[in-house]
Protein backbone atom coordinates (compact mmCIF):
# COMPACT_ATOMS: atom_id res chain seq x y z
CA MET A 1 23.63 17.35 -82.73
CA THR A 2 24.15 19.50 -85.80
CA ASN A 3 26.30 22.62 -86.19
CA ILE A 4 29.41 21.22 -84.55
CA PRO A 5 32.03 23.94 -85.17
CA GLU A 6 35.41 23.30 -86.75
CA THR A 7 37.28 24.95 -83.89
CA MET A 8 36.77 25.37 -80.14
CA THR A 9 38.22 27.17 -77.16
CA ALA A 10 40.54 24.99 -75.09
CA ILE A 11 43.03 25.64 -72.30
CA GLU A 12 46.63 25.07 -73.36
CA ILE A 13 49.72 24.79 -71.18
CA LYS A 14 51.78 27.50 -72.87
CA GLU A 15 54.70 26.99 -70.52
CA PHE A 16 55.30 24.65 -67.61
CA GLY A 17 55.20 26.19 -64.15
CA GLY A 18 52.62 28.35 -62.38
CA PRO A 19 48.91 28.77 -63.15
CA GLU A 20 49.65 31.70 -65.49
CA GLY A 21 50.89 29.12 -68.01
CA LEU A 22 47.28 28.06 -68.61
CA VAL A 23 45.83 30.14 -71.44
CA PRO A 24 42.76 29.91 -73.70
CA ALA A 25 43.53 28.95 -77.31
CA SER A 26 41.70 27.89 -80.44
CA ARG A 27 41.93 24.18 -81.25
CA PRO A 28 40.24 21.91 -83.82
CA VAL A 29 37.20 20.11 -82.44
CA PRO A 30 38.25 16.46 -82.00
CA LYS A 31 36.51 13.72 -83.97
CA PRO A 32 35.29 10.58 -82.20
CA GLY A 33 36.92 7.34 -83.23
CA HIS A 34 35.52 3.82 -82.97
CA ASP A 35 33.63 3.30 -79.70
CA GLU A 36 34.13 6.98 -78.81
CA ILE A 37 31.74 9.82 -78.05
CA LEU A 38 32.19 13.53 -78.78
CA ILE A 39 30.92 15.45 -75.76
CA LYS A 40 29.87 19.11 -75.81
CA VAL A 41 31.41 19.91 -72.46
CA ALA A 42 29.30 21.66 -69.81
CA ALA A 43 31.84 21.44 -67.00
CA ALA A 44 35.24 19.93 -66.22
CA GLY A 45 36.72 18.96 -62.85
CA VAL A 46 40.08 20.35 -61.68
CA ASN A 47 42.38 17.78 -60.08
CA ARG A 48 45.91 17.46 -58.66
CA PRO A 49 47.14 15.49 -61.70
CA ASP A 50 46.24 18.57 -63.81
CA VAL A 51 48.51 20.64 -61.56
CA LEU A 52 51.31 18.12 -61.95
CA GLN A 53 50.87 18.19 -65.74
CA ARG A 54 50.90 22.00 -65.70
CA LYS A 55 54.24 21.90 -63.88
CA GLY A 56 55.71 19.51 -66.44
CA GLY A 57 55.71 16.46 -64.17
CA TYR A 58 52.92 14.33 -65.64
CA ALA A 59 52.95 13.85 -69.41
CA PRO A 60 49.74 12.57 -71.04
CA PRO A 61 49.79 8.87 -71.93
CA PRO A 62 50.44 7.99 -75.61
CA GLY A 63 47.54 9.05 -77.81
CA ALA A 64 45.89 11.28 -75.19
CA SER A 65 45.24 14.98 -75.69
CA ASP A 66 47.84 17.43 -74.35
CA ILE A 67 44.95 19.59 -73.11
CA PRO A 68 44.57 19.10 -69.31
CA GLY A 69 41.39 17.80 -67.72
CA LEU A 70 40.54 14.25 -66.67
CA GLU A 71 36.78 14.44 -66.05
CA VAL A 72 33.88 16.16 -67.81
CA SER A 73 30.13 16.35 -67.98
CA GLY A 74 28.05 17.43 -70.92
CA THR A 75 25.87 16.46 -73.86
CA VAL A 76 26.54 13.87 -76.56
CA ALA A 77 27.35 15.84 -79.73
CA ALA A 78 28.39 13.01 -82.08
CA LEU A 79 28.95 9.26 -82.02
CA GLY A 80 31.83 7.22 -83.36
CA ALA A 81 31.20 3.87 -85.01
CA GLY A 82 30.27 1.10 -82.61
CA VAL A 83 28.68 3.26 -79.90
CA THR A 84 25.47 1.62 -78.69
CA ARG A 85 24.59 2.88 -75.19
CA TYR A 86 24.18 6.59 -75.91
CA LYS A 87 22.55 8.75 -78.55
CA VAL A 88 23.06 12.36 -79.64
CA GLY A 89 21.51 14.70 -77.07
CA ASP A 90 22.03 12.43 -74.05
CA GLN A 91 23.65 13.95 -70.96
CA LEU A 92 26.49 12.09 -69.25
CA CYS A 93 29.73 12.39 -67.33
CA ALA A 94 33.00 10.80 -68.37
CA LEU A 95 36.49 9.89 -67.25
CA VAL A 96 39.08 10.94 -69.87
CA ALA A 97 42.86 10.67 -70.20
CA GLY A 98 43.10 14.36 -71.17
CA GLY A 99 41.27 17.07 -73.09
CA GLY A 100 38.69 18.05 -70.48
CA TYR A 101 39.51 21.77 -70.32
CA ALA A 102 37.77 22.48 -73.62
CA GLU A 103 34.41 23.14 -75.23
CA TYR A 104 34.42 19.66 -76.79
CA CYS A 105 36.08 16.46 -75.60
CA VAL A 106 36.25 12.86 -76.84
CA ALA A 107 35.71 9.97 -74.42
CA PRO A 108 35.54 6.19 -74.83
CA GLU A 109 31.94 5.05 -74.46
CA ALA A 110 33.13 2.54 -71.85
CA GLN A 111 34.32 5.43 -69.63
CA CYS A 112 31.03 7.34 -69.84
CA LEU A 113 28.42 7.13 -67.08
CA ASP A 114 24.84 8.30 -66.70
CA ILE A 115 24.40 11.33 -64.49
CA PRO A 116 23.08 10.30 -61.05
CA GLN A 117 19.51 11.24 -60.29
CA GLY A 118 19.15 14.77 -58.94
CA PHE A 119 22.59 15.96 -60.11
CA ASP A 120 23.17 18.96 -62.35
CA LEU A 121 25.97 19.01 -64.92
CA VAL A 122 28.37 20.98 -62.71
CA GLN A 123 28.05 18.47 -59.86
CA ALA A 124 28.35 15.59 -62.33
CA ALA A 125 31.70 16.90 -63.58
CA ALA A 126 33.07 16.50 -60.04
CA ILE A 127 32.42 12.75 -59.95
CA PRO A 128 34.46 10.63 -62.39
CA GLU A 129 38.17 11.17 -61.63
CA THR A 130 37.68 11.32 -57.88
CA PHE A 131 35.21 8.47 -57.48
CA PHE A 132 37.11 6.14 -59.85
CA THR A 133 40.33 6.86 -57.94
CA VAL A 134 38.82 6.45 -54.49
CA TRP A 135 36.86 3.30 -55.30
CA THR A 136 39.72 1.37 -56.89
CA ASN A 137 42.25 2.33 -54.21
CA LEU A 138 40.00 2.09 -51.17
CA PHE A 139 38.05 -1.05 -51.99
CA ASP A 140 39.83 -2.89 -54.84
CA ARG A 141 43.41 -2.41 -53.65
CA GLY A 142 42.84 -1.42 -50.01
CA ARG A 143 40.17 -4.11 -49.39
CA LEU A 144 38.35 -1.88 -46.89
CA THR A 145 35.40 -3.59 -45.19
CA GLY A 146 32.74 -2.57 -42.70
CA GLY A 147 33.93 -2.33 -39.11
CA GLU A 148 37.54 -1.55 -40.05
CA THR A 149 39.41 1.65 -39.19
CA PHE A 150 40.58 3.97 -41.96
CA LEU A 151 42.84 7.03 -42.11
CA VAL A 152 42.84 9.29 -45.17
CA HIS A 153 45.27 12.18 -45.49
CA GLY A 154 44.15 15.46 -47.07
CA GLY A 155 40.61 14.98 -45.86
CA ALA A 156 39.36 18.33 -47.20
CA SER A 157 40.51 17.62 -50.77
CA GLY A 158 38.27 16.21 -53.49
CA ILE A 159 39.78 12.78 -52.89
CA GLY A 160 39.53 13.14 -49.11
CA THR A 161 35.92 14.30 -48.97
CA THR A 162 34.94 11.45 -51.29
CA ALA A 163 36.93 8.81 -49.39
CA ILE A 164 35.41 9.87 -46.06
CA GLN A 165 31.87 9.53 -47.38
CA LEU A 166 32.37 6.21 -49.15
CA ALA A 167 34.27 4.61 -46.28
CA LYS A 168 31.58 5.76 -43.85
CA ALA A 169 28.78 4.56 -46.16
CA PHE A 170 30.32 1.07 -46.21
CA GLY A 171 30.61 0.91 -42.43
CA ALA A 172 34.21 1.89 -41.62
CA ARG A 173 35.42 4.15 -38.81
CA VAL A 174 37.08 7.12 -40.51
CA PHE A 175 39.86 9.44 -39.34
CA THR A 176 41.50 12.12 -41.46
CA THR A 177 44.18 14.78 -41.43
CA ALA A 178 43.67 18.39 -42.51
CA SER A 179 45.62 21.64 -42.32
CA THR A 180 43.27 23.81 -40.24
CA ASP A 181 40.76 23.43 -37.42
CA GLU A 182 38.07 24.72 -39.80
CA LYS A 183 38.81 21.89 -42.23
CA CYS A 184 38.83 19.38 -39.38
CA ARG A 185 35.33 20.42 -38.37
CA ALA A 186 34.18 20.28 -42.02
CA VAL A 187 35.40 16.72 -42.51
CA GLU A 188 33.79 15.63 -39.26
CA LYS A 189 30.46 16.90 -40.59
CA LEU A 190 31.01 14.63 -43.62
CA GLY A 191 31.35 11.57 -41.42
CA ALA A 192 34.93 11.48 -40.15
CA GLU A 193 35.02 10.43 -36.51
CA ARG A 194 38.03 12.69 -35.94
CA GLY A 195 39.70 15.41 -37.98
CA ILE A 196 43.37 15.70 -37.03
CA ASN A 197 45.11 19.05 -37.56
CA TYR A 198 48.49 17.81 -38.77
CA LYS A 199 50.11 21.18 -38.01
CA THR A 200 49.35 20.95 -34.29
CA GLU A 201 48.84 17.21 -33.67
CA ASP A 202 50.77 13.99 -34.38
CA PHE A 203 48.42 11.82 -36.41
CA VAL A 204 50.24 8.62 -35.39
CA SER A 205 49.63 9.14 -31.67
CA VAL A 206 46.05 10.35 -32.26
CA VAL A 207 45.00 7.28 -34.26
CA LYS A 208 46.74 4.98 -31.80
CA ASP A 209 44.73 6.58 -28.98
CA LEU A 210 41.50 6.28 -30.99
CA THR A 211 42.11 2.59 -31.70
CA ASP A 212 43.23 1.52 -28.21
CA GLY A 213 46.83 1.30 -29.37
CA LYS A 214 46.16 -1.04 -32.30
CA GLY A 215 46.52 1.43 -35.18
CA VAL A 216 44.33 1.64 -38.27
CA ASP A 217 43.57 -1.10 -40.79
CA LEU A 218 44.01 1.11 -43.87
CA VAL A 219 45.77 4.35 -44.77
CA LEU A 220 45.12 6.19 -48.05
CA ASP A 221 47.91 8.70 -48.69
CA MET A 222 48.85 11.21 -51.36
CA VAL A 223 51.60 12.92 -49.35
CA GLY A 224 54.51 10.47 -49.20
CA GLY A 225 57.77 11.99 -47.98
CA ASP A 226 58.21 11.67 -44.23
CA TYR A 227 54.62 10.42 -43.97
CA ILE A 228 55.72 7.02 -45.33
CA GLN A 229 57.46 5.94 -42.13
CA ARG A 230 54.76 7.52 -39.98
CA ASN A 231 52.01 5.73 -41.91
CA ILE A 232 53.77 2.41 -41.28
CA SER A 233 53.83 3.29 -37.57
CA ALA A 234 50.12 4.18 -37.61
CA LEU A 235 49.03 0.86 -39.13
CA ALA A 236 47.67 -2.12 -37.23
CA VAL A 237 48.87 -5.70 -37.69
CA GLU A 238 47.89 -6.87 -41.23
CA GLY A 239 47.25 -3.23 -42.17
CA ARG A 240 47.33 -1.84 -45.72
CA LEU A 241 48.95 1.36 -46.99
CA VAL A 242 47.78 2.63 -50.37
CA TYR A 243 49.50 5.43 -52.31
CA ILE A 244 47.90 7.58 -55.00
CA ALA A 245 50.45 10.44 -55.11
CA PHE A 246 53.64 11.72 -53.49
CA LEU A 247 53.09 15.46 -52.99
CA GLY A 248 55.77 15.44 -50.27
CA GLY A 249 58.28 13.41 -52.27
CA ALA A 250 58.58 9.84 -53.58
CA GLU A 251 62.16 9.08 -52.49
CA VAL A 252 62.88 8.75 -48.78
CA LYS A 253 64.81 6.49 -46.44
CA VAL A 254 62.42 4.01 -44.83
CA ASN A 255 62.84 1.34 -42.17
CA PHE A 256 60.81 -1.61 -43.46
CA ALA A 257 61.30 -3.82 -40.41
CA PRO A 258 57.88 -2.82 -38.96
CA MET A 259 56.28 -3.79 -42.28
CA MET A 260 57.55 -7.34 -41.82
CA LEU A 261 56.76 -7.52 -38.10
CA LYS A 262 53.19 -6.29 -38.64
CA ARG A 263 52.74 -8.16 -41.97
CA LEU A 264 51.71 -4.97 -43.78
CA THR A 265 50.74 -4.55 -47.42
CA ILE A 266 52.03 -1.46 -49.22
CA THR A 267 50.59 -0.76 -52.65
CA GLY A 268 49.34 2.05 -54.85
CA SER A 269 48.16 2.97 -58.32
CA THR A 270 47.69 5.67 -60.90
CA LEU A 271 44.46 5.82 -62.88
CA ARG A 272 45.31 7.75 -66.02
CA PRO A 273 47.66 5.24 -67.74
CA GLN A 274 45.33 2.26 -67.21
CA SER A 275 43.55 0.68 -70.17
CA VAL A 276 40.04 1.60 -71.29
CA GLN A 277 38.91 -1.88 -70.21
CA ALA A 278 40.40 -1.49 -66.73
CA LYS A 279 38.65 1.85 -66.30
CA ALA A 280 35.42 0.39 -67.68
CA ASP A 281 35.59 -2.38 -65.07
CA ILE A 282 35.96 0.21 -62.29
CA GLY A 283 33.03 2.09 -63.79
CA GLU A 284 30.84 -1.02 -63.64
CA ARG A 285 31.59 -1.45 -59.95
CA LEU A 286 30.78 2.23 -59.36
CA LYS A 287 27.44 1.88 -61.16
CA ALA A 288 26.53 -1.12 -59.03
CA LYS A 289 27.82 0.03 -55.65
CA VAL A 290 28.07 3.85 -55.63
CA TRP A 291 25.55 5.27 -58.13
CA PRO A 292 22.63 4.23 -55.88
CA LEU A 293 24.29 6.15 -53.00
CA LEU A 294 24.72 9.22 -55.22
CA SER A 295 21.16 9.07 -56.55
CA SER A 296 19.73 8.71 -53.03
CA GLY A 297 21.77 11.66 -51.73
CA ALA A 298 23.61 9.49 -49.19
CA VAL A 299 26.92 10.47 -50.84
CA LYS A 300 27.69 13.53 -52.97
CA PRO A 301 30.73 15.43 -54.17
CA VAL A 302 31.58 18.40 -51.96
CA MET A 303 31.69 21.48 -54.18
CA ASP A 304 34.20 24.19 -53.30
CA SER A 305 34.00 26.63 -56.21
CA THR A 306 33.41 27.08 -59.93
CA PHE A 307 35.31 29.16 -62.48
CA PRO A 308 34.64 29.96 -66.15
CA LEU A 309 36.73 27.85 -68.54
CA ALA A 310 38.74 30.91 -69.57
CA ASP A 311 39.72 31.42 -65.91
CA ALA A 312 41.42 28.04 -65.57
CA ALA A 313 44.50 29.85 -64.21
CA ALA A 314 42.41 31.27 -61.35
CA ALA A 315 41.04 27.81 -60.61
CA HIS A 316 44.61 26.52 -60.39
CA HIS A 317 45.58 29.34 -58.04
CA ARG A 318 42.71 28.12 -55.85
CA ILE A 319 43.92 24.52 -55.80
CA ASP A 320 47.55 25.60 -55.36
CA ASP A 321 46.88 27.57 -52.18
CA SER A 322 45.13 24.53 -50.64
CA SER A 323 42.42 26.62 -49.01
CA HIS A 324 39.65 24.77 -50.83
CA ILE A 325 37.31 22.19 -49.29
CA GLY A 326 36.11 19.71 -51.91
CA LYS A 327 36.04 20.01 -55.67
CA ILE A 328 36.89 22.90 -58.02
CA VAL A 329 35.08 22.87 -61.35
CA LEU A 330 35.42 24.79 -64.62
CA LYS A 331 32.13 25.80 -66.29
CA VAL A 332 32.05 25.97 -70.06
């Protein structure tokens, strides 16, 4: 692609705190290094790690852009040395360690993926961060298999709506928590057997009832806080508890005796600091196992809303108030 400008519009974090700290600014267009691709961004997904970075709680890993944004879709604008799979003009989506809220973004070729059949660029931008995160935590770390029972918290979030669909597609029984009855009905339409309104119901007793007192085989949680002990109570013998965030706090007093008695596994991960090779390996498993489901329409990202890139602050107000169901995307 010719006529790549010297500068671009990007969203900077002018000051840590609320969404108003996100402001458009002029930045140099990045140059792709070895094995990297310069993408003319069409759309960028908005995710909870972006919110944490905006608040000053999640610094970019060494070498990553300070511009927020961990997933993009768009068109290949230029190629770094060593790139072999893509050519200028190709459309793709990519997982990035930062820099997504901009008109141009650099991504390692190994973290770029073809757009699933039937998807437009806005939908494609809602895939990488969420699907990479869900796949590696649900199936690689959580070892979920068909016929097992699975509880995901925050079922109406981007992570939750994705986890429900993938777990269901691979044969698990799915339960989820959500903050309103409306969200509970929405997640049930996606494939959850039961949406549990955590404001009016105790999820531990509900899942015990649904599993004849056994508890669930796997819990995927991003809440932490007082949920940690309750998750341990909700798990079956040999159950697994996987953490991807601690929105309710990471430091709590926990009684680990039930973990020993029930032989539980407690684990977790963050995606952003992992190596390019580790992310590439997850991407290969997604291409083999999940891309056919996306291309067939069996699974798809749930789209809540879109905002122009310049209105990134409004998009963050939307994610902050937790009224959304599914993914929020910035259009460039």
